[in-house]
N, C-alpha and C. Protein backbone atom coordinates (compact mmCIF):
# COMPACT_ATOMS: atom_id res chain seq x y z
N MET A 1 -3.44 11.82 12.87
CA MET A 1 -2.15 12.07 12.48
C MET A 1 -1.98 12.38 11.08
N CYS A 2 -1.54 13.46 10.61
CA CYS A 2 -1.43 13.73 9.16
C CYS A 2 0.13 13.52 8.69
N ILE A 3 0.43 13.07 7.63
CA ILE A 3 1.71 12.89 7.07
C ILE A 3 2.14 14.04 6.48
N PRO A 4 3.24 14.63 6.94
CA PRO A 4 3.78 15.92 6.35
C PRO A 4 4.19 15.48 4.85
N THR A 5 4.13 16.47 4.03
CA THR A 5 4.62 16.36 2.65
C THR A 5 6.11 15.87 2.38
N ASP A 6 6.96 16.32 3.20
CA ASP A 6 8.40 15.88 3.02
C ASP A 6 8.40 14.29 3.38
N VAL A 7 7.60 13.72 4.31
CA VAL A 7 7.72 12.29 4.64
C VAL A 7 6.99 11.48 3.51
N LEU A 8 5.95 12.17 2.85
CA LEU A 8 5.12 11.65 1.66
C LEU A 8 6.36 11.42 0.55
N LYS A 9 7.19 12.48 0.35
CA LYS A 9 8.05 12.44 -0.87
C LYS A 9 9.08 11.66 -0.63
N LYS A 10 9.46 11.05 0.48
CA LYS A 10 10.57 10.00 0.86
C LYS A 10 10.11 8.54 0.13
N ILE A 11 8.93 8.67 -0.14
CA ILE A 11 8.35 7.40 -0.82
C ILE A 11 8.36 7.40 -2.19
N ASP A 12 9.34 6.57 -2.92
CA ASP A 12 9.55 6.35 -4.26
C ASP A 12 8.37 6.91 -5.13
N LEU A 13 7.24 6.48 -4.81
CA LEU A 13 5.98 6.41 -5.55
C LEU A 13 5.74 8.09 -5.69
N PHE A 14 6.06 8.78 -4.64
CA PHE A 14 5.78 10.09 -4.56
C PHE A 14 6.69 11.14 -4.70
N SER A 15 7.95 10.53 -4.86
CA SER A 15 9.04 11.39 -4.66
C SER A 15 9.25 12.63 -5.69
N SER A 16 8.65 12.21 -6.96
CA SER A 16 8.80 13.51 -7.96
C SER A 16 7.68 14.53 -8.03
N LEU A 17 6.72 14.45 -6.93
CA LEU A 17 5.61 15.35 -6.92
C LEU A 17 6.36 16.57 -6.38
N GLY A 18 5.67 17.77 -6.79
CA GLY A 18 5.83 19.05 -6.47
C GLY A 18 5.04 19.34 -5.00
N GLU A 19 5.61 20.31 -4.11
CA GLU A 19 4.80 20.78 -3.00
C GLU A 19 3.32 20.67 -2.99
N ARG A 20 2.95 21.34 -4.10
CA ARG A 20 1.35 21.56 -4.19
C ARG A 20 0.68 20.19 -4.46
N GLU A 21 1.25 19.35 -5.31
CA GLU A 21 0.62 18.12 -5.55
C GLU A 21 0.73 17.15 -4.19
N ALA A 22 1.70 17.22 -3.58
CA ALA A 22 2.07 16.33 -2.25
C ALA A 22 0.98 16.91 -1.32
N SER A 23 0.98 18.02 -1.30
CA SER A 23 -0.20 18.79 -0.29
C SER A 23 -1.57 18.44 -0.51
N LEU A 24 -1.97 18.12 -1.85
CA LEU A 24 -3.13 17.81 -2.28
C LEU A 24 -3.29 16.47 -1.75
N ILE A 25 -2.41 15.45 -2.12
CA ILE A 25 -2.59 14.08 -1.53
C ILE A 25 -2.78 14.06 0.10
N THR A 26 -1.61 14.51 0.78
CA THR A 26 -1.80 14.42 2.17
C THR A 26 -3.08 15.18 2.74
N SER A 27 -3.68 16.08 2.15
CA SER A 27 -4.81 16.55 2.64
C SER A 27 -5.99 15.67 2.48
N ARG A 28 -5.96 14.59 1.60
CA ARG A 28 -6.94 13.46 1.41
C ARG A 28 -6.84 12.31 2.39
N LEU A 29 -5.46 12.14 3.08
CA LEU A 29 -5.12 11.02 3.73
C LEU A 29 -6.23 10.91 4.94
N VAL A 30 -6.50 9.55 5.33
CA VAL A 30 -7.39 9.19 6.29
C VAL A 30 -6.46 8.37 7.35
N PRO A 31 -6.12 8.87 8.23
CA PRO A 31 -5.40 7.93 9.47
C PRO A 31 -6.27 6.59 9.84
N VAL A 32 -5.51 5.76 9.77
CA VAL A 32 -5.99 4.25 10.37
C VAL A 32 -5.03 3.60 11.14
N GLN A 33 -5.60 3.33 12.42
CA GLN A 33 -4.61 2.63 13.47
C GLN A 33 -5.02 1.33 13.42
N VAL A 34 -4.24 0.52 13.44
CA VAL A 34 -4.37 -1.18 13.58
C VAL A 34 -3.79 -1.71 14.52
N LYS A 35 -4.49 -2.49 15.45
CA LYS A 35 -3.75 -3.13 16.66
C LYS A 35 -2.88 -4.11 16.37
N ALA A 36 -2.02 -4.46 17.07
CA ALA A 36 -0.90 -5.58 16.88
C ALA A 36 -1.76 -6.72 16.59
N GLY A 37 -1.09 -7.36 15.63
CA GLY A 37 -1.68 -8.75 15.21
C GLY A 37 -2.97 -8.96 14.54
N MET A 38 -3.43 -7.73 14.30
CA MET A 38 -4.68 -7.51 13.35
C MET A 38 -4.46 -7.39 11.88
N PRO A 39 -5.00 -8.19 11.05
CA PRO A 39 -4.85 -7.76 9.76
C PRO A 39 -5.33 -6.47 9.17
N VAL A 40 -4.57 -6.12 8.11
CA VAL A 40 -4.83 -4.89 7.48
C VAL A 40 -5.58 -5.21 6.05
N VAL A 41 -4.98 -6.04 5.26
CA VAL A 41 -5.55 -6.61 4.26
C VAL A 41 -5.45 -8.10 4.20
N LYS A 42 -6.07 -8.98 3.53
CA LYS A 42 -6.02 -10.42 3.60
C LYS A 42 -5.59 -10.61 1.83
N GLU A 43 -4.86 -11.99 1.91
CA GLU A 43 -4.34 -12.41 0.50
C GLU A 43 -5.64 -12.66 -0.44
N GLY A 44 -5.90 -12.09 -1.57
CA GLY A 44 -6.85 -12.61 -2.40
C GLY A 44 -8.16 -11.68 -2.49
N GLU A 45 -8.13 -10.67 -1.32
CA GLU A 45 -9.15 -9.61 -1.35
C GLU A 45 -9.06 -8.63 -2.29
N VAL A 46 -9.90 -7.92 -3.00
CA VAL A 46 -9.82 -6.73 -3.76
C VAL A 46 -9.73 -5.59 -2.90
N GLY A 47 -8.72 -4.98 -3.20
CA GLY A 47 -8.50 -3.66 -2.33
C GLY A 47 -9.05 -2.45 -2.86
N SER A 48 -9.15 -1.54 -2.29
CA SER A 48 -9.55 -0.20 -2.55
C SER A 48 -8.76 1.01 -2.02
N SER A 49 -7.83 0.54 -1.36
CA SER A 49 -7.07 1.73 -0.45
C SER A 49 -5.54 1.48 -0.75
N LEU A 50 -4.76 2.52 -0.51
CA LEU A 50 -3.46 2.45 -0.42
C LEU A 50 -3.15 2.87 0.94
N TYR A 51 -2.13 1.91 1.71
CA TYR A 51 -1.74 2.16 3.00
C TYR A 51 -0.29 2.69 3.05
N ILE A 52 -0.25 3.71 3.78
CA ILE A 52 1.22 4.20 4.04
C ILE A 52 1.67 3.92 5.45
N ILE A 53 2.59 3.40 5.73
CA ILE A 53 3.02 3.05 7.18
C ILE A 53 3.68 4.22 7.82
N ALA A 54 3.00 5.03 8.75
CA ALA A 54 3.58 6.27 9.17
C ALA A 54 4.49 5.95 10.41
N ALA A 55 4.00 4.92 11.01
CA ALA A 55 4.65 4.59 12.31
C ALA A 55 4.45 2.91 12.62
N GLY A 56 5.45 2.46 13.10
CA GLY A 56 5.46 1.08 13.40
C GLY A 56 5.98 0.14 12.40
N ARG A 57 5.42 -1.14 12.29
CA ARG A 57 5.85 -2.01 11.22
C ARG A 57 4.63 -2.81 11.15
N LEU A 58 4.91 -3.79 9.69
CA LEU A 58 3.74 -4.29 9.41
C LEU A 58 4.46 -5.68 8.61
N GLU A 59 4.09 -6.77 9.10
CA GLU A 59 4.31 -8.06 8.62
C GLU A 59 3.66 -8.54 7.48
N VAL A 60 4.09 -8.88 6.39
CA VAL A 60 3.47 -9.41 5.26
C VAL A 60 3.67 -10.93 5.26
N ARG A 61 2.52 -11.66 5.25
CA ARG A 61 2.85 -13.34 5.22
C ARG A 61 1.88 -13.66 4.02
N ARG A 62 2.38 -14.86 3.55
CA ARG A 62 1.55 -15.59 2.49
C ARG A 62 0.55 -16.46 3.29
N ALA A 63 -0.76 -16.50 2.77
CA ALA A 63 -1.69 -17.58 3.29
C ALA A 63 -1.28 -18.85 3.45
N GLY A 64 -1.35 -19.63 4.66
CA GLY A 64 -0.86 -20.90 4.88
C GLY A 64 0.35 -21.14 5.13
N THR A 65 1.16 -20.08 5.38
CA THR A 65 2.62 -20.33 5.62
C THR A 65 2.70 -19.38 7.29
N GLN A 66 3.81 -20.04 7.87
CA GLN A 66 3.91 -19.36 9.20
C GLN A 66 5.33 -18.67 9.25
N SER A 67 6.33 -19.34 8.25
CA SER A 67 7.78 -18.72 8.16
C SER A 67 7.92 -17.76 7.08
N GLU A 68 7.13 -17.68 6.09
CA GLU A 68 7.57 -16.90 4.96
C GLU A 68 6.72 -15.38 5.17
N PHE A 69 7.60 -14.43 5.38
CA PHE A 69 7.16 -13.13 5.70
C PHE A 69 8.24 -12.09 5.63
N HIS A 70 7.60 -10.88 5.34
CA HIS A 70 8.54 -9.71 5.34
C HIS A 70 7.95 -8.63 6.33
N THR A 71 9.00 -7.93 6.78
CA THR A 71 8.55 -6.88 7.52
C THR A 71 8.71 -5.55 7.10
N LEU A 72 7.92 -4.68 7.00
CA LEU A 72 7.65 -3.31 6.52
C LEU A 72 7.93 -2.31 7.53
N THR A 73 8.74 -1.30 7.61
CA THR A 73 8.48 -0.21 8.46
C THR A 73 8.47 1.14 7.94
């Protein structure tokens, strides 16, 4: 699944990009599918990627807590 440039530009971080710059970014995106309940990243780990939620939802939880979380869609 490739993210269309108009979808990318709806994200605040990318909203001011021109069509050429947005196309350059979308051409380099690599789709990742994550099964329900599986972690994408873990708190405290050094990251090297930026994840864009194209479909579905993601729960963000703090380590050691069960009730404190945010849902991203």
